[in-house]
Amino acid sequence: MEFLCHHRDRPDSLPLREKLQEEHWSYMDRFAEGMIARGPTFSEDGGTVTGSVHILDLPDVATARAFAFDEPNYQAGVYRDVMLRRWRNTLGRTMWDFPGGDTGGNRYLVLGLGEGRAADLAAPSGRDDLIAYGPLLSDDGSDWLGTAALIRAPDRDSARALLTPDGYVCVEVHDWEFGGRRAG
C-alpha cells in the first residue's frame, strides 16, 4: 500500500528541526526500501522550511500511522499537523527515476483536496515534468479524496494548472525539493 505523508511545521520550529536532523534521517533510513519520494517544502520565498513530504510503500494503514507519528520531528513538536492518505503511484516509479534528475528548475508539491466526483485519477500523458503523481484515497482505498503530485514547473501557477480547474475544494501548491541525506 502506498501512502503520502505531509508533516507541516509549526511556526519557529526550525532550530528544533535542525537539532533533530540526524535523528530524522536515521529514522527515514529504516524506510528507504519503500520510499517513493521525499523532501522538504518551503515558503513561497524559498527561505523557510514549512514541512516534509514522504511518499512510501508500507504494508498497511497501522504501519503508515506509526511511520507518521513515531517520526522524531513529530515526537519533538516540530510539526503542527500531519496529513496521511493512501496514495496510488500512477507513474510506477520513484523520484530517483525521474528523467529530469534532482536539480534544475522549480519543484512543487501540488495537493488537490476533493470530495464527491473524482478528478485527475490518471497522470496526464506527455508530461515529462512529473516527478510523482497519484490520487489520494481513503484508508481502505475505496474513496477518492484528492490528487497529489510532485512536479517541475516554471512557477506556482503552472504547477497549479496540472489539476482540473474546479475539480477540487482546495488546491495547495508548496515549493519542494528532493530530500534525503546531504553531505555537509
N, C-alpha and C. Protein backbone atom coordinates (compact mmCIF):
# COMPACT_ATOMS: atom_id res chain seq x y z
N MET A 1 0.85 -1.17 0.00
CA MET A 1 0.00 0.00 0.00
C MET A 1 0.89 1.24 0.00
N GLU A 2 0.52 2.17 -0.85
CA GLU A 2 1.31 3.40 -0.93
C GLU A 2 0.60 4.52 -0.16
N PHE A 3 1.41 5.36 0.48
CA PHE A 3 0.89 6.43 1.32
C PHE A 3 1.64 7.72 1.05
N LEU A 4 0.93 8.84 1.20
CA LEU A 4 1.54 10.16 1.20
C LEU A 4 1.39 10.73 2.60
N CYS A 5 2.50 11.18 3.15
CA CYS A 5 2.51 11.79 4.47
C CYS A 5 3.10 13.19 4.33
N HIS A 6 2.31 14.19 4.72
CA HIS A 6 2.78 15.59 4.68
C HIS A 6 2.74 16.13 6.11
N HIS A 7 3.94 16.23 6.71
CA HIS A 7 4.09 16.86 8.01
C HIS A 7 4.26 18.35 7.77
N ARG A 8 3.49 19.18 8.47
CA ARG A 8 3.58 20.64 8.33
C ARG A 8 4.20 21.23 9.59
N ASP A 9 5.24 22.02 9.42
CA ASP A 9 5.95 22.60 10.55
C ASP A 9 5.10 23.62 11.30
N ARG A 10 5.30 23.70 12.58
CA ARG A 10 4.70 24.79 13.35
C ARG A 10 5.64 25.99 13.23
N PRO A 11 5.13 27.19 13.43
CA PRO A 11 5.98 28.39 13.33
C PRO A 11 7.18 28.33 14.27
N ASP A 12 8.29 28.84 13.80
CA ASP A 12 9.50 28.98 14.60
C ASP A 12 10.09 27.65 15.10
N SER A 13 9.86 26.57 14.36
CA SER A 13 10.38 25.27 14.78
C SER A 13 11.69 24.90 14.10
N LEU A 14 12.23 25.78 13.26
CA LEU A 14 13.45 25.46 12.51
C LEU A 14 14.62 25.08 13.41
N PRO A 15 14.90 25.79 14.52
CA PRO A 15 16.04 25.37 15.35
C PRO A 15 15.89 23.93 15.87
N LEU A 16 14.68 23.55 16.26
CA LEU A 16 14.45 22.18 16.72
C LEU A 16 14.60 21.19 15.57
N ARG A 17 14.09 21.55 14.41
CA ARG A 17 14.23 20.70 13.21
C ARG A 17 15.71 20.46 12.91
N GLU A 18 16.50 21.53 12.94
CA GLU A 18 17.94 21.41 12.65
C GLU A 18 18.64 20.53 13.69
N LYS A 19 18.26 20.66 14.95
CA LYS A 19 18.84 19.86 16.02
C LYS A 19 18.57 18.37 15.81
N LEU A 20 17.40 18.05 15.27
CA LEU A 20 16.96 16.66 15.10
C LEU A 20 17.26 16.08 13.72
N GLN A 21 18.00 16.81 12.91
CA GLN A 21 18.22 16.39 11.52
C GLN A 21 18.76 14.96 11.40
N GLU A 22 19.79 14.62 12.15
CA GLU A 22 20.36 13.27 12.05
C GLU A 22 19.36 12.22 12.54
N GLU A 23 18.63 12.51 13.60
CA GLU A 23 17.61 11.56 14.07
C GLU A 23 16.54 11.33 12.99
N HIS A 24 16.12 12.42 12.34
CA HIS A 24 15.13 12.32 11.26
C HIS A 24 15.67 11.44 10.14
N TRP A 25 16.88 11.74 9.69
CA TRP A 25 17.44 10.96 8.57
C TRP A 25 17.64 9.49 8.96
N SER A 26 18.11 9.23 10.17
CA SER A 26 18.28 7.84 10.62
C SER A 26 16.94 7.12 10.65
N TYR A 27 15.90 7.80 11.10
CA TYR A 27 14.56 7.22 11.10
C TYR A 27 14.13 6.89 9.67
N MET A 28 14.33 7.83 8.75
CA MET A 28 13.94 7.61 7.35
C MET A 28 14.75 6.49 6.70
N ASP A 29 15.99 6.32 7.12
CA ASP A 29 16.82 5.23 6.59
C ASP A 29 16.14 3.88 6.80
N ARG A 30 15.39 3.74 7.87
CA ARG A 30 14.69 2.48 8.16
C ARG A 30 13.62 2.18 7.12
N PHE A 31 13.17 3.20 6.38
CA PHE A 31 12.09 3.05 5.40
C PHE A 31 12.59 3.22 3.96
N ALA A 32 13.89 3.25 3.77
CA ALA A 32 14.48 3.56 2.46
C ALA A 32 13.97 2.62 1.36
N GLU A 33 13.83 1.36 1.66
CA GLU A 33 13.42 0.39 0.64
C GLU A 33 12.06 0.70 0.04
N GLY A 34 11.14 1.24 0.83
CA GLY A 34 9.81 1.54 0.34
C GLY A 34 9.59 2.98 -0.07
N MET A 35 10.63 3.81 0.01
CA MET A 35 10.48 5.24 -0.27
C MET A 35 10.28 5.48 -1.77
N ILE A 36 9.25 6.23 -2.10
CA ILE A 36 8.95 6.62 -3.49
C ILE A 36 9.41 8.05 -3.73
N ALA A 37 9.20 8.92 -2.76
CA ALA A 37 9.65 10.31 -2.86
C ALA A 37 9.72 10.89 -1.47
N ARG A 38 10.56 11.92 -1.32
CA ARG A 38 10.69 12.58 -0.04
C ARG A 38 11.31 13.94 -0.25
N GLY A 39 11.06 14.84 0.70
CA GLY A 39 11.73 16.12 0.64
C GLY A 39 10.98 17.20 1.39
N PRO A 40 11.69 18.28 1.69
CA PRO A 40 11.10 19.39 2.42
C PRO A 40 10.27 20.30 1.52
N THR A 41 9.28 20.95 2.15
CA THR A 41 8.54 22.02 1.49
C THR A 41 9.02 23.34 2.07
N PHE A 42 8.82 24.42 1.29
CA PHE A 42 9.33 25.73 1.67
C PHE A 42 8.26 26.80 1.49
N SER A 43 8.47 27.92 2.16
CA SER A 43 7.62 29.09 1.98
C SER A 43 7.77 29.60 0.55
N GLU A 44 6.86 30.47 0.12
CA GLU A 44 6.91 30.99 -1.25
C GLU A 44 8.21 31.69 -1.58
N ASP A 45 8.86 32.28 -0.58
CA ASP A 45 10.14 32.95 -0.84
C ASP A 45 11.30 31.96 -0.90
N GLY A 46 11.01 30.67 -0.61
CA GLY A 46 12.02 29.64 -0.68
C GLY A 46 12.99 29.62 0.49
N GLY A 47 12.81 30.50 1.44
CA GLY A 47 13.77 30.63 2.51
C GLY A 47 13.46 29.89 3.79
N THR A 48 12.21 29.49 3.99
CA THR A 48 11.83 28.88 5.25
C THR A 48 11.23 27.50 5.00
N VAL A 49 11.75 26.49 5.70
CA VAL A 49 11.19 25.15 5.62
C VAL A 49 9.80 25.19 6.27
N THR A 50 8.82 24.63 5.58
CA THR A 50 7.45 24.62 6.09
C THR A 50 6.91 23.22 6.37
N GLY A 51 7.66 22.20 5.99
CA GLY A 51 7.19 20.84 6.23
C GLY A 51 8.03 19.81 5.52
N SER A 52 7.55 18.57 5.56
CA SER A 52 8.22 17.43 4.92
C SER A 52 7.19 16.55 4.25
N VAL A 53 7.54 16.05 3.08
CA VAL A 53 6.68 15.13 2.35
C VAL A 53 7.40 13.79 2.22
N HIS A 54 6.68 12.72 2.50
CA HIS A 54 7.20 11.37 2.30
C HIS A 54 6.12 10.56 1.61
N ILE A 55 6.48 9.95 0.51
CA ILE A 55 5.58 9.04 -0.20
C ILE A 55 6.27 7.69 -0.18
N LEU A 56 5.58 6.69 0.36
CA LEU A 56 6.24 5.40 0.51
C LEU A 56 5.25 4.25 0.51
N ASP A 57 5.82 3.08 0.26
CA ASP A 57 5.06 1.84 0.22
C ASP A 57 5.24 1.16 1.58
N LEU A 58 4.13 0.90 2.24
CA LEU A 58 4.13 0.26 3.56
C LEU A 58 3.11 -0.86 3.58
N PRO A 59 3.25 -1.80 4.52
CA PRO A 59 2.37 -2.97 4.50
C PRO A 59 0.89 -2.69 4.77
N ASP A 60 0.59 -1.67 5.61
CA ASP A 60 -0.80 -1.46 5.98
C ASP A 60 -0.98 -0.09 6.61
N VAL A 61 -2.23 0.26 6.91
CA VAL A 61 -2.56 1.56 7.48
C VAL A 61 -1.92 1.74 8.85
N ALA A 62 -1.92 0.71 9.67
CA ALA A 62 -1.33 0.82 11.01
C ALA A 62 0.16 1.16 10.93
N THR A 63 0.87 0.56 10.00
CA THR A 63 2.29 0.84 9.83
C THR A 63 2.48 2.28 9.33
N ALA A 64 1.59 2.73 8.46
CA ALA A 64 1.68 4.11 7.96
C ALA A 64 1.46 5.11 9.10
N ARG A 65 0.51 4.83 9.96
CA ARG A 65 0.27 5.72 11.11
C ARG A 65 1.47 5.73 12.04
N ALA A 66 2.04 4.57 12.28
CA ALA A 66 3.24 4.51 13.12
C ALA A 66 4.37 5.31 12.48
N PHE A 67 4.55 5.16 11.17
CA PHE A 67 5.57 5.94 10.45
C PHE A 67 5.37 7.42 10.70
N ALA A 68 4.16 7.91 10.52
CA ALA A 68 3.87 9.34 10.62
C ALA A 68 4.04 9.88 12.04
N PHE A 69 3.59 9.13 13.02
CA PHE A 69 3.52 9.67 14.38
C PHE A 69 4.69 9.27 15.27
N ASP A 70 5.50 8.30 14.85
CA ASP A 70 6.72 7.96 15.60
C ASP A 70 7.92 8.74 15.09
N GLU A 71 7.76 9.48 14.02
CA GLU A 71 8.84 10.26 13.41
C GLU A 71 9.41 11.23 14.45
N PRO A 72 10.74 11.32 14.59
CA PRO A 72 11.35 12.14 15.65
C PRO A 72 10.92 13.61 15.66
N ASN A 73 10.79 14.24 14.52
CA ASN A 73 10.35 15.63 14.50
C ASN A 73 8.92 15.76 15.02
N TYR A 74 8.06 14.81 14.66
CA TYR A 74 6.70 14.84 15.17
C TYR A 74 6.70 14.67 16.70
N GLN A 75 7.45 13.68 17.17
CA GLN A 75 7.50 13.41 18.60
C GLN A 75 8.02 14.60 19.40
N ALA A 76 8.94 15.39 18.80
CA ALA A 76 9.55 16.52 19.50
C ALA A 76 8.74 17.81 19.37
N GLY A 77 7.72 17.83 18.52
CA GLY A 77 6.89 19.02 18.38
C GLY A 77 7.25 19.95 17.25
N VAL A 78 8.05 19.50 16.29
CA VAL A 78 8.38 20.34 15.13
C VAL A 78 7.13 20.60 14.30
N TYR A 79 6.28 19.60 14.16
CA TYR A 79 5.14 19.69 13.25
C TYR A 79 3.88 20.17 13.96
N ARG A 80 3.08 20.96 13.25
CA ARG A 80 1.79 21.41 13.78
C ARG A 80 0.68 20.46 13.39
N ASP A 81 0.81 19.78 12.23
CA ASP A 81 -0.19 18.79 11.84
C ASP A 81 0.38 17.84 10.81
N VAL A 82 -0.39 16.79 10.56
CA VAL A 82 0.03 15.73 9.64
C VAL A 82 -1.14 15.37 8.74
N MET A 83 -0.89 15.27 7.45
CA MET A 83 -1.88 14.71 6.54
C MET A 83 -1.32 13.36 6.07
N LEU A 84 -2.05 12.31 6.34
CA LEU A 84 -1.66 10.96 5.95
C LEU A 84 -2.80 10.38 5.13
N ARG A 85 -2.50 10.00 3.88
CA ARG A 85 -3.51 9.45 2.98
C ARG A 85 -2.92 8.29 2.18
N ARG A 86 -3.77 7.31 1.90
CA ARG A 86 -3.40 6.32 0.88
C ARG A 86 -3.16 7.08 -0.41
N TRP A 87 -2.32 6.54 -1.25
CA TRP A 87 -1.94 7.20 -2.49
C TRP A 87 -1.67 6.10 -3.50
N ARG A 88 -1.87 6.38 -4.77
CA ARG A 88 -1.58 5.40 -5.82
C ARG A 88 -0.54 5.97 -6.76
N ASN A 89 0.55 5.27 -6.91
CA ASN A 89 1.68 5.69 -7.74
C ASN A 89 1.37 5.42 -9.21
N THR A 90 0.70 6.35 -9.86
CA THR A 90 0.29 6.13 -11.25
C THR A 90 1.46 6.16 -12.23
N LEU A 91 2.60 6.73 -11.82
CA LEU A 91 3.77 6.74 -12.70
C LEU A 91 4.59 5.46 -12.56
N GLY A 92 4.40 4.73 -11.46
CA GLY A 92 5.10 3.47 -11.26
C GLY A 92 6.60 3.61 -11.08
N ARG A 93 7.05 4.74 -10.54
CA ARG A 93 8.49 4.93 -10.34
C ARG A 93 8.72 5.76 -9.08
N THR A 94 9.99 5.90 -8.72
CA THR A 94 10.36 6.74 -7.59
C THR A 94 10.90 8.07 -8.12
N MET A 95 11.10 9.01 -7.21
CA MET A 95 11.65 10.31 -7.62
C MET A 95 13.06 10.14 -8.18
N TRP A 96 13.78 9.12 -7.72
CA TRP A 96 15.14 8.90 -8.20
C TRP A 96 15.15 8.41 -9.64
N ASP A 97 14.01 7.94 -10.14
CA ASP A 97 13.88 7.51 -11.53
C ASP A 97 13.42 8.64 -12.45
N PHE A 98 13.11 9.80 -11.87
CA PHE A 98 12.65 10.95 -12.67
C PHE A 98 13.72 11.33 -13.69
N PRO A 99 13.39 11.32 -14.99
CA PRO A 99 14.39 11.59 -16.02
C PRO A 99 15.02 12.98 -15.93
N GLY A 100 14.34 13.92 -15.27
CA GLY A 100 14.88 15.28 -15.15
C GLY A 100 15.91 15.45 -14.06
N GLY A 101 16.18 14.40 -13.29
CA GLY A 101 17.18 14.48 -12.24
C GLY A 101 16.70 15.26 -11.03
N ASP A 102 17.61 15.44 -10.08
CA ASP A 102 17.22 16.05 -8.81
C ASP A 102 17.56 17.53 -8.69
N THR A 103 18.09 18.13 -9.75
CA THR A 103 18.39 19.56 -9.71
C THR A 103 17.86 20.22 -10.98
N GLY A 104 17.84 21.53 -10.96
CA GLY A 104 17.40 22.28 -12.14
C GLY A 104 15.91 22.51 -12.16
N GLY A 105 15.53 23.76 -12.29
CA GLY A 105 14.11 24.11 -12.36
C GLY A 105 13.47 24.19 -11.00
N ASN A 106 12.28 24.71 -10.98
CA ASN A 106 11.50 24.82 -9.75
C ASN A 106 10.72 23.54 -9.55
N ARG A 107 10.62 23.11 -8.30
CA ARG A 107 9.89 21.88 -7.96
C ARG A 107 8.77 22.24 -6.99
N TYR A 108 7.64 21.55 -7.15
CA TYR A 108 6.46 21.85 -6.33
C TYR A 108 5.75 20.57 -5.89
N LEU A 109 5.14 20.66 -4.72
CA LEU A 109 4.15 19.71 -4.27
C LEU A 109 2.80 20.35 -4.55
N VAL A 110 1.95 19.64 -5.29
CA VAL A 110 0.59 20.12 -5.58
C VAL A 110 -0.38 19.15 -4.91
N LEU A 111 -1.20 19.69 -4.02
CA LEU A 111 -2.21 18.89 -3.32
C LEU A 111 -3.59 19.42 -3.70
N GLY A 112 -4.36 18.60 -4.39
CA GLY A 112 -5.74 18.93 -4.68
C GLY A 112 -6.62 18.13 -3.75
N LEU A 113 -7.33 18.81 -2.86
CA LEU A 113 -8.19 18.13 -1.90
C LEU A 113 -9.62 18.17 -2.40
N GLY A 114 -10.22 17.01 -2.50
CA GLY A 114 -11.53 16.94 -3.13
C GLY A 114 -12.56 16.22 -2.32
N GLU A 115 -13.75 16.20 -2.87
CA GLU A 115 -14.87 15.43 -2.34
C GLU A 115 -15.82 15.18 -3.49
N GLY A 116 -16.57 14.10 -3.38
CA GLY A 116 -17.52 13.82 -4.44
C GLY A 116 -16.87 13.16 -5.64
N ARG A 117 -17.18 13.67 -6.81
CA ARG A 117 -16.72 13.09 -8.07
C ARG A 117 -15.20 13.20 -8.21
N ALA A 118 -14.57 12.08 -8.51
CA ALA A 118 -13.11 12.03 -8.64
C ALA A 118 -12.64 12.80 -9.87
N ALA A 119 -11.50 13.44 -9.73
CA ALA A 119 -10.86 14.16 -10.83
C ALA A 119 -9.40 13.72 -10.93
N ASP A 120 -8.88 13.74 -12.14
CA ASP A 120 -7.44 13.54 -12.36
C ASP A 120 -6.92 12.23 -11.77
N LEU A 121 -7.63 11.13 -11.99
CA LEU A 121 -7.19 9.84 -11.46
C LEU A 121 -5.92 9.34 -12.14
N ALA A 122 -5.81 9.56 -13.42
CA ALA A 122 -4.63 9.11 -14.18
C ALA A 122 -3.70 10.29 -14.43
N ALA A 123 -2.43 9.99 -14.48
CA ALA A 123 -1.45 11.04 -14.79
C ALA A 123 -1.68 11.53 -16.21
N PRO A 124 -1.61 12.84 -16.42
CA PRO A 124 -1.77 13.35 -17.78
C PRO A 124 -0.64 12.84 -18.67
N SER A 125 -0.97 12.47 -19.88
CA SER A 125 0.05 11.92 -20.79
C SER A 125 0.93 13.03 -21.34
N GLY A 126 2.13 12.64 -21.73
CA GLY A 126 3.05 13.57 -22.37
C GLY A 126 3.65 14.60 -21.44
N ARG A 127 3.63 14.36 -20.14
CA ARG A 127 4.15 15.31 -19.16
C ARG A 127 5.48 14.78 -18.63
N ASP A 128 6.59 15.24 -19.21
CA ASP A 128 7.89 14.80 -18.73
C ASP A 128 8.36 15.59 -17.51
N ASP A 129 7.48 16.48 -17.01
CA ASP A 129 7.81 17.28 -15.83
C ASP A 129 7.27 16.67 -14.53
N LEU A 130 6.56 15.55 -14.62
CA LEU A 130 6.00 14.90 -13.44
C LEU A 130 7.06 14.05 -12.73
N ILE A 131 7.22 14.29 -11.46
CA ILE A 131 8.16 13.53 -10.64
C ILE A 131 7.41 12.40 -9.95
N ALA A 132 6.23 12.70 -9.42
CA ALA A 132 5.34 11.71 -8.79
C ALA A 132 3.92 12.21 -8.99
N TYR A 133 2.97 11.26 -9.09
CA TYR A 133 1.59 11.64 -9.36
C TYR A 133 0.66 10.52 -8.93
N GLY A 134 -0.45 10.90 -8.28
CA GLY A 134 -1.44 9.88 -7.96
C GLY A 134 -2.59 10.41 -7.13
N PRO A 135 -3.68 9.65 -7.11
CA PRO A 135 -4.84 10.03 -6.31
C PRO A 135 -4.61 9.79 -4.82
N LEU A 136 -5.21 10.65 -4.01
CA LEU A 136 -5.28 10.46 -2.56
C LEU A 136 -6.55 9.69 -2.27
N LEU A 137 -6.46 8.69 -1.40
CA LEU A 137 -7.57 7.77 -1.18
C LEU A 137 -7.86 7.60 0.31
N SER A 138 -9.06 7.11 0.62
CA SER A 138 -9.42 6.78 1.99
C SER A 138 -8.56 5.60 2.45
N ASP A 139 -8.56 5.33 3.75
CA ASP A 139 -7.73 4.26 4.30
C ASP A 139 -7.96 2.92 3.62
N ASP A 140 -9.21 2.63 3.26
CA ASP A 140 -9.48 1.35 2.61
C ASP A 140 -9.32 1.40 1.10
N GLY A 141 -8.96 2.58 0.57
CA GLY A 141 -8.71 2.73 -0.87
C GLY A 141 -9.94 2.87 -1.72
N SER A 142 -11.12 2.93 -1.10
CA SER A 142 -12.35 2.94 -1.90
C SER A 142 -12.83 4.34 -2.28
N ASP A 143 -12.45 5.35 -1.53
CA ASP A 143 -12.95 6.70 -1.80
C ASP A 143 -11.83 7.63 -2.23
N TRP A 144 -12.10 8.41 -3.26
CA TRP A 144 -11.16 9.43 -3.74
C TRP A 144 -11.27 10.65 -2.85
N LEU A 145 -10.11 11.14 -2.39
CA LEU A 145 -10.06 12.31 -1.52
C LEU A 145 -9.28 13.47 -2.13
N GLY A 146 -8.70 13.23 -3.29
CA GLY A 146 -7.94 14.27 -3.95
C GLY A 146 -6.84 13.71 -4.82
N THR A 147 -5.90 14.57 -5.18
CA THR A 147 -4.78 14.20 -6.03
C THR A 147 -3.54 14.89 -5.50
N ALA A 148 -2.41 14.19 -5.56
CA ALA A 148 -1.14 14.77 -5.14
C ALA A 148 -0.10 14.54 -6.22
N ALA A 149 0.71 15.57 -6.46
CA ALA A 149 1.76 15.47 -7.47
C ALA A 149 3.00 16.22 -7.01
N LEU A 150 4.13 15.73 -7.45
CA LEU A 150 5.39 16.45 -7.38
C LEU A 150 5.75 16.76 -8.81
N ILE A 151 6.06 18.02 -9.09
CA ILE A 151 6.23 18.46 -10.47
C ILE A 151 7.34 19.50 -10.58
N ARG A 152 8.04 19.45 -11.70
CA ARG A 152 8.96 20.53 -12.06
C ARG A 152 8.18 21.46 -12.97
N ALA A 153 8.14 22.74 -12.62
CA ALA A 153 7.34 23.71 -13.38
C ALA A 153 8.01 25.08 -13.31
N PRO A 154 7.72 25.94 -14.27
CA PRO A 154 8.32 27.28 -14.26
C PRO A 154 7.92 28.12 -13.05
N ASP A 155 6.68 27.92 -12.56
CA ASP A 155 6.19 28.75 -11.45
C ASP A 155 5.00 28.06 -10.80
N ARG A 156 4.52 28.64 -9.71
CA ARG A 156 3.40 28.06 -8.94
C ARG A 156 2.13 27.95 -9.78
N ASP A 157 1.84 28.97 -10.59
CA ASP A 157 0.62 28.92 -11.40
C ASP A 157 0.67 27.78 -12.41
N SER A 158 1.83 27.55 -13.00
CA SER A 158 1.98 26.43 -13.94
C SER A 158 1.81 25.10 -13.22
N ALA A 159 2.35 25.00 -12.01
CA ALA A 159 2.19 23.77 -11.23
C ALA A 159 0.71 23.54 -10.90
N ARG A 160 0.03 24.60 -10.49
CA ARG A 160 -1.40 24.51 -10.15
C ARG A 160 -2.23 24.07 -11.35
N ALA A 161 -1.84 24.50 -12.54
CA ALA A 161 -2.59 24.20 -13.77
C ALA A 161 -2.57 22.71 -14.11
N LEU A 162 -1.75 21.93 -13.43
CA LEU A 162 -1.72 20.49 -13.65
C LEU A 162 -3.08 19.86 -13.34
N LEU A 163 -3.77 20.39 -12.34
CA LEU A 163 -5.05 19.81 -11.90
C LEU A 163 -6.23 20.48 -12.58
N THR A 164 -7.29 19.71 -12.75
CA THR A 164 -8.51 20.19 -13.39
C THR A 164 -9.09 21.39 -12.64
N PRO A 165 -9.30 22.49 -13.34
CA PRO A 165 -9.93 23.64 -12.67
C PRO A 165 -11.31 23.23 -12.12
N ASP A 166 -11.64 23.71 -10.97
CA ASP A 166 -12.92 23.44 -10.32
C ASP A 166 -13.15 21.97 -9.98
N GLY A 167 -12.10 21.15 -10.01
CA GLY A 167 -12.25 19.75 -9.65
C GLY A 167 -11.98 19.48 -8.18
N TYR A 168 -11.67 20.54 -7.42
CA TYR A 168 -11.23 20.37 -6.04
C TYR A 168 -11.84 21.43 -5.14
N VAL A 169 -11.98 21.08 -3.88
CA VAL A 169 -12.43 22.03 -2.86
C VAL A 169 -11.31 23.03 -2.58
N CYS A 170 -10.09 22.53 -2.58
CA CYS A 170 -8.92 23.34 -2.25
C CYS A 170 -7.71 22.79 -3.00
N VAL A 171 -6.87 23.67 -3.51
CA VAL A 171 -5.60 23.25 -4.10
C VAL A 171 -4.49 24.03 -3.42
N GLU A 172 -3.50 23.28 -2.92
CA GLU A 172 -2.32 23.88 -2.30
C GLU A 172 -1.12 23.63 -3.19
N VAL A 173 -0.26 24.63 -3.31
CA VAL A 173 0.99 24.49 -4.05
C VAL A 173 2.10 24.91 -3.10
N HIS A 174 3.06 24.00 -2.90
CA HIS A 174 4.18 24.25 -1.99
C HIS A 174 5.49 24.11 -2.76
N ASP A 175 6.41 25.02 -2.55
CA ASP A 175 7.77 24.83 -3.06
C ASP A 175 8.31 23.56 -2.41
N TRP A 176 9.04 22.75 -3.19
CA TRP A 176 9.52 21.46 -2.71
C TRP A 176 10.87 21.16 -3.35
N GLU A 177 11.67 20.36 -2.70
CA GLU A 177 12.91 19.87 -3.31
C GLU A 177 13.14 18.43 -2.93
N PHE A 178 13.95 17.74 -3.75
CA PHE A 178 14.32 16.36 -3.46
C PHE A 178 14.96 16.32 -2.08
N GLY A 179 14.59 15.32 -1.29
CA GLY A 179 15.12 15.21 0.07
C GLY A 179 16.04 14.02 0.23
N GLY A 180 16.51 13.88 1.42
CA GLY A 180 17.42 12.78 1.78
C GLY A 180 18.70 13.33 2.38
N ARG A 181 19.56 12.43 2.72
CA ARG A 181 20.83 12.83 3.34
C ARG A 181 21.64 13.70 2.40
N ARG A 182 22.27 14.71 3.01
CA ARG A 182 23.13 15.60 2.26
C ARG A 182 24.50 15.62 2.92
N ALA A 183 25.52 15.69 2.10
CA ALA A 183 26.88 15.82 2.64
C ALA A 183 27.00 17.21 3.25
N GLY A 184 27.77 17.33 4.27
CA GLY A 184 27.98 18.66 4.80
C GLY A 184 27.97 18.66 6.24
